[in-house]
Protein backbone atom coordinates (compact mmCIF):
# COMPACT_ATOMS: atom_id res chain seq x y z
CA UNK A 1 87.89 106.53 112.26
CA UNK A 2 86.85 104.13 114.87
CA UNK A 3 88.64 102.12 117.45
CA UNK A 4 86.85 98.69 118.82
CA UNK A 5 89.10 97.57 121.53
CA UNK A 6 89.74 94.13 122.38
CA UNK A 7 87.12 93.79 125.28
CA UNK A 8 84.16 94.93 123.62
CA UNK A 9 84.15 91.95 120.86
CA UNK A 10 81.87 89.87 121.33
CA UNK A 11 82.72 86.71 123.78
CA UNK A 12 82.12 82.93 123.16
CA UNK A 13 83.89 80.11 125.95
CA UNK A 14 82.89 76.72 125.48
CA UNK A 15 84.99 73.57 127.26
CA UNK A 16 87.40 73.63 124.08
CA UNK A 17 86.85 77.10 122.67
CA UNK A 18 87.59 80.54 123.18
CA UNK A 19 86.17 82.68 120.56
CA UNK A 20 86.16 86.54 120.09
CA UNK A 21 84.29 87.99 117.02
CA UNK A 22 84.98 91.32 115.35
CA UNK A 23 81.65 91.46 113.82
CA UNK A 24 78.14 90.31 115.11
CA UNK A 25 75.98 87.86 113.53
CA UNK A 26 73.41 88.45 110.98
CA UNK A 27 70.39 88.58 113.85
CA UNK A 28 71.88 91.68 115.23
CA UNK A 29 69.28 94.14 113.77
CA UNK A 30 69.33 97.85 114.72
CA UNK A 31 65.88 99.12 114.30
CA UNK A 32 66.65 102.98 114.79
CA UNK A 33 68.76 102.53 111.23
CA UNK A 34 66.52 99.78 109.33
CA UNK A 35 69.77 97.66 109.01
CA UNK A 36 72.27 95.01 110.92
CA UNK A 37 74.50 96.50 112.72
CA UNK A 38 78.53 95.92 113.09
CA UNK A 39 78.05 92.99 110.77
CA UNK A 40 80.82 94.23 108.40
CA UNK A 41 83.75 96.72 107.44
CA UNK A 42 84.01 97.40 104.04
CA UNK A 43 83.99 93.78 102.18
CA UNK A 44 85.06 91.82 105.73
CA UNK A 45 82.17 90.04 107.22
CA UNK A 46 83.98 88.12 109.93
CA UNK A 47 87.04 88.56 111.85
CA UNK A 48 87.31 85.80 114.63
CA UNK A 49 89.96 85.21 117.11
CA UNK A 50 89.61 81.33 118.59
CA UNK A 51 91.72 79.48 120.83
CA UNK A 52 90.71 75.92 120.39
CA UNK A 53 92.10 73.25 122.90
CA UNK A 54 94.47 70.46 121.78
CA UNK A 55 92.31 67.58 120.28
CA UNK A 56 89.35 69.72 119.67
CA UNK A 57 88.08 71.66 116.71
CA UNK A 58 85.50 72.37 114.53
CA UNK A 59 83.86 69.20 112.70
CA UNK A 60 82.71 69.11 108.89
CA UNK A 61 80.29 71.89 107.94
CA UNK A 62 79.42 73.45 104.61
CA UNK A 63 80.57 76.90 103.47
CA UNK A 64 78.91 78.74 100.35
CA UNK A 65 79.98 81.76 98.38
CA UNK A 66 82.70 83.26 100.96
CA UNK A 67 86.46 83.63 100.34
CA UNK A 68 88.25 82.42 104.02
CA UNK A 69 91.31 83.23 105.53
CA UNK A 70 93.24 81.39 107.64
CA UNK A 71 96.12 83.10 109.82
CA UNK A 72 97.45 81.02 112.72
CA UNK A 73 99.86 82.86 115.50
CA UNK A 74 100.67 79.79 117.23
CA UNK A 75 100.29 75.73 117.56
CA UNK A 76 98.57 74.26 114.36
CA UNK A 77 95.34 73.41 112.44
CA UNK A 78 94.49 70.45 110.52
CA UNK A 79 92.37 71.54 107.41
CA UNK A 80 90.28 68.44 105.45
CA UNK A 81 88.10 69.41 102.95
CA UNK A 82 85.68 67.08 100.37
CA UNK A 83 88.03 68.66 97.57
CA UNK A 84 90.62 66.01 98.29
CA UNK A 85 92.53 69.06 100.55
CA UNK A 86 94.40 68.11 103.53
CA UNK A 87 96.90 70.41 105.43
CA UNK A 88 98.59 71.38 108.24
CA UNK A 89 98.48 75.14 108.95
CA UNK A 90 101.11 76.71 111.16
CA UNK A 91 102.38 80.15 111.89
CA UNK A 92 103.64 81.54 109.28
CA UNK A 93 101.46 79.72 106.91
CA UNK A 94 98.47 81.46 105.02
CA UNK A 95 95.76 79.52 103.96
CA UNK A 96 92.73 80.50 101.46
CA UNK A 97 89.59 78.64 100.84
CA UNK A 98 87.10 79.55 98.47
CA UNK A 99 84.03 78.29 99.34
CA UNK A 100 82.16 79.00 95.87
CA UNK A 101 79.16 76.76 94.91
CA UNK A 102 79.88 74.62 98.04
CA UNK A 103 82.83 73.05 100.17
CA UNK A 104 82.66 70.79 103.14
CA UNK A 105 85.32 71.09 106.05
CA UNK A 106 86.64 70.30 109.13
CA UNK A 107 89.39 72.11 111.17
CA UNK A 108 90.99 70.56 113.86
CA UNK A 109 93.59 71.13 116.77
CA UNK A 110 94.73 67.71 116.48
CA UNK A 111 98.37 67.57 114.10
CA UNK A 112 99.53 64.41 115.93
CA UNK A 113 96.34 62.50 114.07
CA UNK A 114 97.35 64.29 110.59
CA UNK A 115 100.58 63.25 110.85
CA UNK A 116 102.08 60.23 113.13
CA UNK A 117 105.07 61.47 113.39
CA UNK A 118 104.32 64.89 115.35
CA UNK A 119 103.69 63.83 119.20
CA UNK A 120 100.84 64.65 120.83
CA UNK A 121 100.71 67.83 122.51
CA UNK A 122 98.92 70.17 124.53
CA UNK A 123 99.13 73.34 122.83
CA UNK A 124 96.03 75.33 122.11
CA UNK A 125 95.61 76.95 118.54
CA UNK A 126 95.67 80.53 118.39
CA UNK A 127 93.81 81.28 115.22
CA UNK A 128 92.35 84.54 113.52
CA UNK A 129 89.90 83.60 110.80
CA UNK A 130 88.34 86.25 108.29
CA UNK A 131 85.68 85.82 105.68
CA UNK A 132 85.38 88.03 102.81
CA UNK A 133 82.39 88.39 100.46
CA UNK A 134 83.55 87.62 96.51
CA UNK A 135 82.89 89.77 93.75
CA UNK A 136 81.15 86.68 91.92
CA UNK A 137 79.12 83.95 93.52
CA UNK A 138 79.01 80.02 92.09
CA UNK A 139 82.81 79.86 91.15
CA UNK A 140 84.16 76.79 91.99
CA UNK A 141 85.64 75.59 95.11
CA UNK A 142 89.63 76.07 95.67
CA UNK A 143 92.13 76.00 98.05
CA UNK A 144 95.65 77.31 98.57
CA UNK A 145 98.39 77.72 101.13
CA UNK A 146 101.75 78.84 101.10
CA UNK A 147 104.61 79.57 103.65
CA UNK A 148 105.36 83.48 104.15
CA UNK A 149 107.74 83.29 106.64
CA UNK A 150 110.61 84.70 104.75
CA UNK A 151 108.35 87.75 103.29
CA UNK A 152 107.63 88.87 107.12
CA UNK A 153 111.12 88.97 108.08
CA UNK A 154 111.60 92.24 106.38
CA UNK A 155 109.41 93.98 108.13
CA UNK A 156 107.45 95.32 106.09
CA UNK A 157 103.61 95.55 105.30
CA UNK A 158 103.58 92.01 102.92
CA UNK A 159 100.54 91.61 100.54
CA UNK A 160 99.28 88.17 101.77
CA UNK A 161 95.57 87.16 100.13
CA UNK A 162 94.89 89.92 97.63
CA UNK A 163 92.98 90.34 94.57
CA UNK A 164 93.13 94.19 93.89
CA UNK A 165 95.20 94.78 91.07
CA UNK A 166 98.29 96.48 92.75
CA UNK A 167 99.00 93.62 94.88
CA UNK A 168 99.68 90.98 92.12
CA UNK A 169 102.41 89.85 94.17
CA UNK A 170 100.67 88.91 96.41
CA UNK A 171 101.31 85.39 98.20
CA UNK A 172 97.70 84.14 97.40
CA UNK A 173 95.22 85.09 95.35
CA UNK A 174 91.28 86.06 96.34
CA UNK A 175 88.45 85.97 94.46
CA UNK A 176 87.56 89.55 94.73
CA UNK A 177 89.36 92.14 93.02
CA UNK A 178 88.44 94.96 95.45
CA UNK A 179 90.13 93.83 98.71
CA UNK A 180 93.37 92.19 100.02
CA UNK A 181 94.95 91.36 103.37
CA UNK A 182 98.39 92.41 104.07
CA UNK A 183 100.58 91.85 107.20
CA UNK A 184 103.34 93.00 108.75
CA UNK A 185 105.69 91.59 111.85
CA UNK A 186 107.28 94.67 113.62
CA UNK A 187 109.98 93.11 115.40
CA UNK A 188 111.23 95.94 117.57
CA UNK A 189 110.01 98.71 119.30
CA UNK A 190 110.19 102.16 116.99
CA UNK A 191 109.53 99.60 114.15
CA UNK A 192 106.49 101.58 111.45
CA UNK A 193 104.54 101.10 108.45
CA UNK A 194 102.14 103.05 106.97
CA UNK A 195 98.92 101.92 106.00
CA UNK A 196 97.60 102.05 102.64
CA UNK A 197 94.88 104.70 101.70
CA UNK A 198 91.76 102.87 100.73
CA UNK A 199 88.02 103.02 100.87
CA UNK A 200 87.74 100.71 103.99
CA UNK A 201 90.98 99.98 105.88
CA UNK A 202 90.58 97.08 108.86
CA UNK A 203 93.56 97.00 110.87
CA UNK A 204 94.07 94.34 113.51
CA UNK A 205 96.63 93.90 116.30
CA UNK A 206 97.39 90.12 116.48
CA UNK A 207 100.30 90.50 118.92
CA UNK A 208 101.49 93.29 121.23
CA UNK A 209 101.16 96.56 120.99
CA UNK A 210 101.31 99.78 118.53
CA UNK A 211 100.81 103.17 118.22
CA UNK A 212 98.57 104.99 115.13
CA UNK A 213 98.68 108.19 114.13
CA UNK A 214 95.68 110.30 115.10
CA UNK A 215 94.04 106.83 116.88
CA UNK A 216 96.55 106.66 119.89
CA UNK A 217 97.74 102.93 120.91
CA UNK A 218 96.00 100.10 120.32
CA UNK A 219 96.90 96.83 122.42
CA UNK A 220 96.18 93.08 121.41
CA UNK A 221 92.87 92.52 120.08
CA UNK A 222 92.07 96.31 119.28
CA UNK A 223 91.28 96.85 115.79
CA UNK A 224 90.70 100.46 114.01
CA UNK A 225 88.60 101.02 111.23
CA UNK A 226 89.19 103.27 108.78
CA UNK A 227 86.45 104.82 106.06
CA UNK A 228 87.73 106.84 103.19
CA UNK A 229 91.17 107.72 104.60
CA UNK A 230 94.29 106.15 104.81
CA UNK A 231 97.91 106.70 105.24
CA UNK A 232 98.38 106.45 108.63
CA UNK A 233 101.65 105.76 110.37
CA UNK A 234 102.01 102.17 112.59
CA UNK A 235 104.81 102.31 114.52
CA UNK A 236 105.43 99.21 117.53
CA UNK A 237 105.30 100.05 120.95
CA UNK A 238 106.97 96.44 121.33
CA UNK A 239 107.58 93.63 119.36
CA UNK A 240 104.33 93.32 117.47
CA UNK A 241 102.13 91.73 114.63
CA UNK A 242 99.53 93.49 112.47
CA UNK A 243 96.91 92.29 109.89
CA UNK A 244 95.57 94.92 107.73
CA UNK A 245 92.61 94.74 104.89
CA UNK A 246 92.34 97.31 102.41
CA UNK A 247 89.17 97.29 100.53
CA UNK A 248 87.70 99.61 97.96
CA UNK A 249 83.96 98.68 98.27
CA UNK A 250 81.53 97.52 101.04
CA UNK A 251 78.85 95.26 101.25
CA UNK A 252 75.13 96.51 99.92
CA UNK A 253 72.48 96.11 102.89
């Protein structure tokens, strides 16, 4: 069991972007152990919390052989790719992009340019983006998006994007049979869910504050990494939203 506090994440600030990264880049090498440090947990290799100013964003860039999941906490993000997909992502909508053999895309906080009926605004986009390695390289690129607002209203831990066999009812399929993301919106203090029992579990507090059996209080931006254990109860100390990855394998170094 390892707690990673929000303030301990890598921090990037630009004129238009505030980014907090839970994992280091590949250049972070620890010579004591002969391998990179803090580059992943299980199959999760990127977990960024970004605040993007209105009118700005990430211009067209390429990805390959990665499963990319985007979850918007507030504001909106416009996704455009070279496969013909153009989509507006808002809170409650899950997005999965399979980069596969290669895909070019952009992500920007400029909804009014995407749809002229949307008034221009000065609202920041608050986004969590997560990358998972696929279980097979070289698959065709693909894109999927769906609204899960109704499912999350139950207060349960809901499978959102998953390739795990036991998550056949997940809203979106992931190109990895050993990983899955579930989300819970705990609407009131005292609401609770149990973490899955998996080889690797990553709990991230996207909003509010919770208490986890054996770990104590976790506030917004904090994360809990579990290895080889699970089943811990997560109780809301106030209205909260948690993102939970369960993974049965890890990245081979």
